[in-house]
């Protein structure tokens, strides 16, 4: 059993080690297949983020929460960053963006068999468009003149679409298809309309560091380069069917 002086020294050393290794915390939301508590390793972007920091020697805690709480956590600096974000969201929150991890196709989901033909979104004026409250959609889509119905999340919009509350849902192709395939009531009822409105880069955003704090965005960039060099980056993408 250590003596009192030795115990005091050990406690001091442990405290110094805890201070030397900053606790890295990131926030994310349910955004399958990119991030989800219900997917292996948390989804593709969660796994890429975790591995990029791991190869640089930094453990990371990634917490799932609604988007409104993600924004609050960033504002009070209880987290060092968030994923997976669109460029508009990164800009609005004043974050440092990572390189794009994926490019996501944004467009419309409809009920199977619903007749929809258009060349420009403004041609659909009068049609209600289902969107999610607080998402950083491209401004030209919001300004197209369509009435907007806002929901708390994407699955709620798809269920409203299936219930004929409106005829159009604005959503990313991969995300929408994932949600539909994994919901027994929606499977086989809804589909992606082959008209891509926007290709959106998905990013990780970091709070600008204060004096004396690590630049986590720079650490992340180095970690991504390591993953590319080793081939692990592509292995993770293939694992998640991207």
C-alpha atoms as a PDB file:
ATOM      1  CA  UNK A   1       0.000   0.000   0.000  1.00  0.00           C
ATOM      2  CA  UNK A   2       1.522   3.378  -0.992  1.00  0.00           C
ATOM      3  CA  UNK A   3       2.533   5.765   1.747  1.00  0.00           C
ATOM      4  CA  UNK A   4       0.763   9.110   2.067  1.00  0.00           C
ATOM      5  CA  UNK A   5       3.560  11.109   0.338  1.00  0.00           C
ATOM      6  CA  UNK A   6       3.729   8.572  -2.518  1.00  0.00           C
ATOM      7  CA  UNK A   7      -0.062   8.609  -2.882  1.00  0.00           C
ATOM      8  CA  UNK A   8       0.009  12.399  -3.077  1.00  0.00           C
ATOM      9  CA  UNK A   9       2.656  12.246  -5.827  1.00  0.00           C
ATOM     10  CA  UNK A  10       0.625   9.682  -7.804  1.00  0.00           C
ATOM     11  CA  UNK A  11      -2.529  11.787  -7.554  1.00  0.00           C
ATOM     12  CA  UNK A  12      -0.562  14.827  -8.734  1.00  0.00           C
ATOM     13  CA  UNK A  13       0.815  12.894 -11.736  1.00  0.00           C
ATOM     14  CA  UNK A  14      -2.643  11.619 -12.678  1.00  0.00           C
ATOM     15  CA  UNK A  15      -3.993  15.154 -12.506  1.00  0.00           C
ATOM     16  CA  UNK A  16      -1.179  16.398 -14.735  1.00  0.00           C
ATOM     17  CA  UNK A  17      -1.856  13.651 -17.281  1.00  0.00           C
ATOM     18  CA  UNK A  18      -5.551  14.502 -17.315  1.00  0.00           C
ATOM     19  CA  UNK A  19      -4.715  18.138 -18.032  1.00  0.00           C
ATOM     20  CA  UNK A  20      -2.165  17.188 -20.696  1.00  0.00           C
ATOM     21  CA  UNK A  21      -4.724  15.154 -22.656  1.00  0.00           C
ATOM     22  CA  UNK A  22      -7.651  17.469 -23.511  1.00  0.00           C
ATOM     23  CA  UNK A  23     -11.007  15.712 -23.544  1.00  0.00           C
ATOM     24  CA  UNK A  24     -12.331  15.846 -27.101  1.00  0.00           C
ATOM     25  CA  UNK A  25     -16.119  15.798 -27.407  1.00  0.00           C
ATOM     26  CA  UNK A  26     -18.109  16.026 -30.637  1.00  0.00           C
ATOM     27  CA  UNK A  27     -21.860  16.223 -31.159  1.00  0.00           C
ATOM     28  CA  UNK A  28     -23.908  14.663 -33.923  1.00  0.00           C
ATOM     29  CA  UNK A  29     -27.505  13.838 -34.770  1.00  0.00           C
ATOM     30  CA  UNK A  30     -29.467  10.873 -36.084  1.00  0.00           C
ATOM     31  CA  UNK A  31     -28.533  11.144 -39.746  1.00  0.00           C
ATOM     32  CA  UNK A  32     -28.327   7.612 -41.155  1.00  0.00           C
ATOM     33  CA  UNK A  33     -26.401   6.179 -42.876  1.00  0.00           C
ATOM     34  CA  UNK A  34     -23.775   8.837 -42.040  1.00  0.00           C
ATOM     35  CA  UNK A  35     -24.388   8.955 -38.281  1.00  0.00           C
ATOM     36  CA  UNK A  36     -26.733   6.883 -36.146  1.00  0.00           C
ATOM     37  CA  UNK A  37     -26.712   5.177 -32.773  1.00  0.00           C
ATOM     38  CA  UNK A  38     -28.392   2.201 -34.439  1.00  0.00           C
ATOM     39  CA  UNK A  39     -25.689   1.502 -37.050  1.00  0.00           C
ATOM     40  CA  UNK A  40     -22.409  -0.411 -36.712  1.00  0.00           C
ATOM     41  CA  UNK A  41     -19.691   1.944 -35.427  1.00  0.00           C
ATOM     42  CA  UNK A  42     -22.201   4.811 -35.473  1.00  0.00           C
ATOM     43  CA  UNK A  43     -22.350   5.182 -39.257  1.00  0.00           C
ATOM     44  CA  UNK A  44     -19.749   6.134 -41.850  1.00  0.00           C
ATOM     45  CA  UNK A  45     -18.896   9.712 -40.822  1.00  0.00           C
ATOM     46  CA  UNK A  46     -18.849   8.828 -37.120  1.00  0.00           C
ATOM     47  CA  UNK A  47     -16.427   5.970 -37.785  1.00  0.00           C
ATOM     48  CA  UNK A  48     -14.218   8.118 -40.050  1.00  0.00           C
ATOM     49  CA  UNK A  49     -14.096  10.855 -37.408  1.00  0.00           C
ATOM     50  CA  UNK A  50     -13.319   8.454 -34.585  1.00  0.00           C
ATOM     51  CA  UNK A  51     -10.577   6.689 -36.554  1.00  0.00           C
ATOM     52  CA  UNK A  52      -9.007   9.945 -37.812  1.00  0.00           C
ATOM     53  CA  UNK A  53      -8.451  11.069 -34.228  1.00  0.00           C
ATOM     54  CA  UNK A  54      -7.468   7.590 -33.024  1.00  0.00           C
ATOM     55  CA  UNK A  55      -4.570   7.313 -35.486  1.00  0.00           C
ATOM     56  CA  UNK A  56      -3.330  10.659 -34.141  1.00  0.00           C
ATOM     57  CA  UNK A  57      -3.518   9.334 -30.576  1.00  0.00           C
ATOM     58  CA  UNK A  58      -6.644  11.169 -29.418  1.00  0.00           C
ATOM     59  CA  UNK A  59      -9.667   9.353 -27.966  1.00  0.00           C
ATOM     60  CA  UNK A  60     -12.968  11.051 -28.777  1.00  0.00           C
ATOM     61  CA  UNK A  61     -16.457  11.046 -27.283  1.00  0.00           C
ATOM     62  CA  UNK A  62     -19.250  11.442 -29.854  1.00  0.00           C
ATOM     63  CA  UNK A  63     -22.751  12.118 -28.471  1.00  0.00           C
ATOM     64  CA  UNK A  64     -26.018  11.862 -30.402  1.00  0.00           C
ATOM     65  CA  UNK A  65     -28.678  14.518 -29.854  1.00  0.00           C
ATOM     66  CA  UNK A  66     -31.370  16.485 -31.737  1.00  0.00           C
ATOM     67  CA  UNK A  67     -30.093  19.229 -34.046  1.00  0.00           C
ATOM     68  CA  UNK A  68     -31.376  22.001 -31.751  1.00  0.00           C
ATOM     69  CA  UNK A  69     -29.262  20.589 -28.901  1.00  0.00           C
ATOM     70  CA  UNK A  70     -26.246  20.233 -31.199  1.00  0.00           C
ATOM     71  CA  UNK A  71     -26.433  23.954 -31.938  1.00  0.00           C
ATOM     72  CA  UNK A  72     -26.808  24.801 -28.236  1.00  0.00           C
ATOM     73  CA  UNK A  73     -23.815  22.602 -27.355  1.00  0.00           C
ATOM     74  CA  UNK A  74     -21.696  24.454 -29.917  1.00  0.00           C
ATOM     75  CA  UNK A  75     -22.810  27.853 -28.649  1.00  0.00           C
ATOM     76  CA  UNK A  76     -21.815  27.111 -25.047  1.00  0.00           C
ATOM     77  CA  UNK A  77     -18.560  25.404 -26.142  1.00  0.00           C
ATOM     78  CA  UNK A  78     -19.317  22.189 -24.245  1.00  0.00           C
ATOM     79  CA  UNK A  79     -18.295  20.365 -27.433  1.00  0.00           C
ATOM     80  CA  UNK A  80     -15.357  21.010 -29.728  1.00  0.00           C
ATOM     81  CA  UNK A  81     -17.312  20.420 -32.930  1.00  0.00           C
ATOM     82  CA  UNK A  82     -20.126  18.625 -34.714  1.00  0.00           C
ATOM     83  CA  UNK A  83     -20.800  16.232 -37.592  1.00  0.00           C
ATOM     84  CA  UNK A  84     -22.128  15.675 -40.235  1.00  0.00           C
ATOM     85  CA  UNK A  85     -22.892  19.218 -41.380  1.00  0.00           C
ATOM     86  CA  UNK A  86     -23.767  21.098 -44.544  1.00  0.00           C
ATOM     87  CA  UNK A  87     -21.692  24.174 -45.530  1.00  0.00           C
ATOM     88  CA  UNK A  88     -24.483  26.595 -44.596  1.00  0.00           C
ATOM     89  CA  UNK A  89     -24.712  25.083 -41.105  1.00  0.00           C
ATOM     90  CA  UNK A  90     -20.935  25.302 -40.642  1.00  0.00           C
ATOM     91  CA  UNK A  91     -21.017  28.978 -41.656  1.00  0.00           C
ATOM     92  CA  UNK A  92     -24.023  29.832 -39.466  1.00  0.00           C
ATOM     93  CA  UNK A  93     -22.373  28.263 -36.403  1.00  0.00           C
ATOM     94  CA  UNK A  94     -19.007  29.969 -37.065  1.00  0.00           C
ATOM     95  CA  UNK A  95     -17.101  26.687 -37.301  1.00  0.00           C
ATOM     96  CA  UNK A  96     -13.897  25.686 -39.080  1.00  0.00           C
ATOM     97  CA  UNK A  97     -14.878  23.228 -41.835  1.00  0.00           C
ATOM     98  CA  UNK A  98     -13.121  19.980 -42.602  1.00  0.00           C
ATOM     99  CA  UNK A  99     -12.552  18.772 -46.136  1.00  0.00           C
ATOM    100  CA  UNK A 100     -15.740  17.220 -47.626  1.00  0.00           C
ATOM    101  CA  UNK A 101     -16.128  13.616 -46.481  1.00  0.00           C
ATOM    102  CA  UNK A 102     -18.983  12.824 -48.886  1.00  0.00           C
ATOM    103  CA  UNK A 103     -21.080  14.601 -51.506  1.00  0.00           C
ATOM    104  CA  UNK A 104     -24.783  14.029 -50.946  1.00  0.00           C
ATOM    105  CA  UNK A 105     -27.509  14.411 -53.586  1.00  0.00           C
ATOM    106  CA  UNK A 106     -30.429  16.562 -52.445  1.00  0.00           C
ATOM    107  CA  UNK A 107     -33.775  16.244 -54.200  1.00  0.00           C
ATOM    108  CA  UNK A 108     -37.396  15.167 -53.844  1.00  0.00           C
ATOM    109  CA  UNK A 109     -39.123  12.064 -52.567  1.00  0.00           C
ATOM    110  CA  UNK A 110     -42.647  11.283 -53.768  1.00  0.00           C
ATOM    111  CA  UNK A 111     -45.254   8.544 -53.405  1.00  0.00           C
ATOM    112  CA  UNK A 112     -44.860   5.737 -55.920  1.00  0.00           C
ATOM    113  CA  UNK A 113     -46.820   6.503 -59.060  1.00  0.00           C
ATOM    114  CA  UNK A 114     -47.237  10.215 -58.305  1.00  0.00           C
ATOM    115  CA  UNK A 115     -46.914  12.114 -61.618  1.00  0.00           C
ATOM    116  CA  UNK A 116     -44.182  14.709 -61.245  1.00  0.00           C
ATOM    117  CA  UNK A 117     -42.379  16.381 -64.119  1.00  0.00           C
ATOM    118  CA  UNK A 118     -40.454  19.644 -63.908  1.00  0.00           C
ATOM    119  CA  UNK A 119     -37.270  21.262 -65.116  1.00  0.00           C
ATOM    120  CA  UNK A 120     -37.084  24.035 -62.479  1.00  0.00           C
ATOM    121  CA  UNK A 121     -38.395  23.932 -58.914  1.00  0.00           C
ATOM    122  CA  UNK A 122     -40.353  27.158 -59.360  1.00  0.00           C
ATOM    123  CA  UNK A 123     -42.662  25.275 -61.745  1.00  0.00           C
ATOM    124  CA  UNK A 124     -44.024  23.452 -58.693  1.00  0.00           C
ATOM    125  CA  UNK A 125     -45.317  26.589 -56.955  1.00  0.00           C
ATOM    126  CA  UNK A 126     -48.439  25.794 -54.983  1.00  0.00           C
ATOM    127  CA  UNK A 127     -47.118  22.343 -54.016  1.00  0.00           C
ATOM    128  CA  UNK A 128     -46.269  22.058 -50.318  1.00  0.00           C
ATOM    129  CA  UNK A 129     -42.707  20.921 -49.642  1.00  0.00           C
ATOM    130  CA  UNK A 130     -41.816  18.995 -46.499  1.00  0.00           C
ATOM    131  CA  UNK A 131     -38.547  20.095 -44.858  1.00  0.00           C
ATOM    132  CA  UNK A 132     -36.888  19.793 -41.437  1.00  0.00           C
ATOM    133  CA  UNK A 133     -36.838  22.792 -39.107  1.00  0.00           C
ATOM    134  CA  UNK A 134     -33.363  24.315 -38.712  1.00  0.00           C
ATOM    135  CA  UNK A 135     -31.574  22.451 -41.519  1.00  0.00           C
ATOM    136  CA  UNK A 136     -29.241  24.522 -43.690  1.00  0.00           C
ATOM    137  CA  UNK A 137     -30.985  23.984 -47.033  1.00  0.00           C
ATOM    138  CA  UNK A 138     -29.657  25.874 -50.081  1.00  0.00           C
ATOM    139  CA  UNK A 139     -31.282  29.284 -50.247  1.00  0.00           C
ATOM    140  CA  UNK A 140     -32.315  28.984 -53.897  1.00  0.00           C
ATOM    141  CA  UNK A 141     -34.541  26.028 -52.954  1.00  0.00           C
ATOM    142  CA  UNK A 142     -36.140  27.881 -50.036  1.00  0.00           C
ATOM    143  CA  UNK A 143     -36.734  30.883 -52.323  1.00  0.00           C
ATOM    144  CA  UNK A 144     -38.425  28.864 -55.105  1.00  0.00           C
ATOM    145  CA  UNK A 145     -41.872  29.921 -53.933  1.00  0.00           C
ATOM    146  CA  UNK A 146     -43.163  26.597 -52.589  1.00  0.00           C
ATOM    147  CA  UNK A 147     -45.116  26.558 -49.303  1.00  0.00           C
ATOM    148  CA  UNK A 148     -42.940  24.884 -46.670  1.00  0.00           C
ATOM    149  CA  UNK A 149     -44.134  22.494 -43.970  1.00  0.00           C
ATOM    150  CA  UNK A 150     -41.519  21.989 -41.273  1.00  0.00           C
ATOM    151  CA  UNK A 151     -41.067  18.812 -39.227  1.00  0.00           C
ATOM    152  CA  UNK A 152     -38.672  17.821 -36.451  1.00  0.00           C
ATOM    153  CA  UNK A 153     -36.895  15.178 -38.550  1.00  0.00           C
ATOM    154  CA  UNK A 154     -36.801  13.466 -41.927  1.00  0.00           C
ATOM    155  CA  UNK A 155     -38.702  10.323 -40.969  1.00  0.00           C
ATOM    156  CA  UNK A 156     -41.647  12.456 -39.814  1.00  0.00           C
ATOM    157  CA  UNK A 157     -41.762  14.102 -43.230  1.00  0.00           C
ATOM    158  CA  UNK A 158     -41.697  10.767 -45.037  1.00  0.00           C
ATOM    159  CA  UNK A 159     -44.563   9.499 -42.896  1.00  0.00           C
ATOM    160  CA  UNK A 160     -46.574  12.638 -43.671  1.00  0.00           C
ATOM    161  CA  UNK A 161     -45.838  12.127 -47.363  1.00  0.00           C
ATOM    162  CA  UNK A 162     -47.086   8.545 -47.148  1.00  0.00           C
ATOM    163  CA  UNK A 163     -50.226   9.793 -45.358  1.00  0.00           C
ATOM    164  CA  UNK A 164     -50.862  12.255 -48.247  1.00  0.00           C
ATOM    165  CA  UNK A 165     -50.391  15.355 -46.084  1.00  0.00           C
ATOM    166  CA  UNK A 166     -48.382  16.770 -49.025  1.00  0.00           C
ATOM    167  CA  UNK A 167     -46.771  15.424 -52.185  1.00  0.00           C
ATOM    168  CA  UNK A 168     -43.081  16.381 -51.929  1.00  0.00           C
ATOM    169  CA  UNK A 169     -40.318  15.900 -49.366  1.00  0.00           C
ATOM    170  CA  UNK A 170     -36.927  17.575 -49.699  1.00  0.00           C
ATOM    171  CA  UNK A 171     -34.313  15.044 -48.669  1.00  0.00           C
ATOM    172  CA  UNK A 172     -30.974  13.494 -49.569  1.00  0.00           C
ATOM    173  CA  UNK A 173     -31.192  10.404 -51.755  1.00  0.00           C
ATOM    174  CA  UNK A 174     -29.044   8.084 -49.596  1.00  0.00           C
ATOM    175  CA  UNK A 175     -30.643   9.239 -46.335  1.00  0.00           C
ATOM    176  CA  UNK A 176     -34.203   8.938 -47.661  1.00  0.00           C
ATOM    177  CA  UNK A 177     -33.641   5.515 -49.184  1.00  0.00           C
ATOM    178  CA  UNK A 178     -32.094   4.280 -45.930  1.00  0.00           C
ATOM    179  CA  UNK A 179     -35.064   5.511 -43.875  1.00  0.00           C
ATOM    180  CA  UNK A 180     -37.622   4.039 -46.279  1.00  0.00           C
ATOM    181  CA  UNK A 181     -35.977   0.606 -46.516  1.00  0.00           C
ATOM    182  CA  UNK A 182     -35.833   0.362 -42.716  1.00  0.00           C
ATOM    183  CA  UNK A 183     -39.477   1.365 -42.088  1.00  0.00           C
ATOM    184  CA  UNK A 184     -42.067  -1.351 -42.759  1.00  0.00           C
ATOM    185  CA  UNK A 185     -44.882   1.150 -43.411  1.00  0.00           C
ATOM    186  CA  UNK A 186     -42.851   3.181 -45.921  1.00  0.00           C
ATOM    187  CA  UNK A 187     -41.029   0.363 -47.700  1.00  0.00           C
ATOM    188  CA  UNK A 188     -42.271   0.069 -51.280  1.00  0.00           C
ATOM    189  CA  UNK A 189     -44.513   3.146 -50.943  1.00  0.00           C
ATOM    190  CA  UNK A 190     -42.134   6.077 -51.526  1.00  0.00           C
ATOM    191  CA  UNK A 191     -39.324   6.707 -53.990  1.00  0.00           C
ATOM    192  CA  UNK A 192     -36.638   9.181 -55.049  1.00  0.00           C
ATOM    193  CA  UNK A 193     -37.472  11.446 -57.996  1.00  0.00           C
ATOM    194  CA  UNK A 194     -34.527  11.423 -60.421  1.00  0.00           C
ATOM    195  CA  UNK A 195     -33.906  15.169 -60.446  1.00  0.00           C
ATOM    196  CA  UNK A 196     -30.942  16.236 -58.336  1.00  0.00           C
ATOM    197  CA  UNK A 197     -31.466  19.772 -57.022  1.00  0.00           C
ATOM    198  CA  UNK A 198     -28.061  20.134 -55.353  1.00  0.00           C
ATOM    199  CA  UNK A 199     -24.913  18.172 -54.565  1.00  0.00           C
ATOM    200  CA  UNK A 200     -24.003  19.034 -50.980  1.00  0.00           C
ATOM    201  CA  UNK A 201     -20.638  18.347 -49.317  1.00  0.00           C
ATOM    202  CA  UNK A 202     -20.892  16.799 -45.855  1.00  0.00           C
ATOM    203  CA  UNK A 203     -18.389  18.234 -43.395  1.00  0.00           C
ATOM    204  CA  UNK A 204     -17.151  18.092 -39.839  1.00  0.00           C
ATOM    205  CA  UNK A 205     -17.112  21.517 -38.183  1.00  0.00           C
ATOM    206  CA  UNK A 206     -14.852  22.620 -35.325  1.00  0.00           C
ATOM    207  CA  UNK A 207     -15.126  25.494 -32.862  1.00  0.00           C
ATOM    208  CA  UNK A 208     -12.244  27.959 -33.441  1.00  0.00           C
ATOM    209  CA  UNK A 209      -9.669  27.256 -30.704  1.00  0.00           C
ATOM    210  CA  UNK A 210      -8.891  29.781 -28.014  1.00  0.00           C
ATOM    211  CA  UNK A 211      -5.335  30.603 -26.989  1.00  0.00           C
ATOM    212  CA  UNK A 212      -3.645  27.503 -25.606  1.00  0.00           C
ATOM    213  CA  UNK A 213      -6.282  25.072 -26.934  1.00  0.00           C
ATOM    214  CA  UNK A 214      -5.490  22.392 -29.532  1.00  0.00           C
ATOM    215  CA  UNK A 215      -6.443  23.066 -33.143  1.00  0.00           C
ATOM    216  CA  UNK A 216      -8.649  19.989 -33.511  1.00  0.00           C
ATOM    217  CA  UNK A 217      -9.439  20.764 -37.149  1.00  0.00           C
ATOM    218  CA  UNK A 218      -5.725  20.487 -37.996  1.00  0.00           C
ATOM    219  CA  UNK A 219      -5.422  17.229 -36.026  1.00  0.00           C
ATOM    220  CA  UNK A 220      -8.453  15.866 -37.877  1.00  0.00           C
ATOM    221  CA  UNK A 221      -6.992  16.790 -41.268  1.00  0.00           C
ATOM    222  CA  UNK A 222      -3.768  14.950 -40.437  1.00  0.00           C
ATOM    223  CA  UNK A 223      -5.761  11.939 -39.294  1.00  0.00           C
ATOM    224  CA  UNK A 224      -7.738  11.868 -42.553  1.00  0.00           C
ATOM    225  CA  UNK A 225      -4.468  11.962 -44.499  1.00  0.00           C
ATOM    226  CA  UNK A 226      -3.210   9.017 -42.471  1.00  0.00           C
ATOM    227  CA  UNK A 227      -6.390   7.062 -43.235  1.00  0.00           C
ATOM    228  CA  UNK A 228      -6.043   7.809 -46.949  1.00  0.00           C
ATOM    229  CA  UNK A 229      -2.391   6.739 -46.968  1.00  0.00           C
ATOM    230  CA  UNK A 230      -3.082   3.452 -45.200  1.00  0.00           C
ATOM    231  CA  UNK A 231      -6.136   2.614 -47.307  1.00  0.00           C
ATOM    232  CA  UNK A 232      -8.387   2.518 -44.238  1.00  0.00           C
ATOM    233  CA  UNK A 233     -10.460   5.458 -45.518  1.00  0.00           C
ATOM    234  CA  UNK A 234     -11.700   3.452 -48.513  1.00  0.00           C
ATOM    235  CA  UNK A 235     -12.182   0.361 -46.346  1.00  0.00           C
ATOM    236  CA  UNK A 236     -14.584   2.316 -44.119  1.00  0.00           C
ATOM    237  CA  UNK A 237     -16.485   3.614 -47.156  1.00  0.00           C
ATOM    238  CA  UNK A 238     -16.879   0.115 -48.575  1.00  0.00           C
ATOM    239  CA  UNK A 239     -17.948  -1.211 -45.181  1.00  0.00           C
ATOM    240  CA  UNK A 240     -20.821   1.286 -45.121  1.00  0.00           C
ATOM    241  CA  UNK A 241     -21.703   0.720 -48.809  1.00  0.00           C
ATOM    242  CA  UNK A 242     -20.754   4.218 -49.991  1.00  0.00           C
END
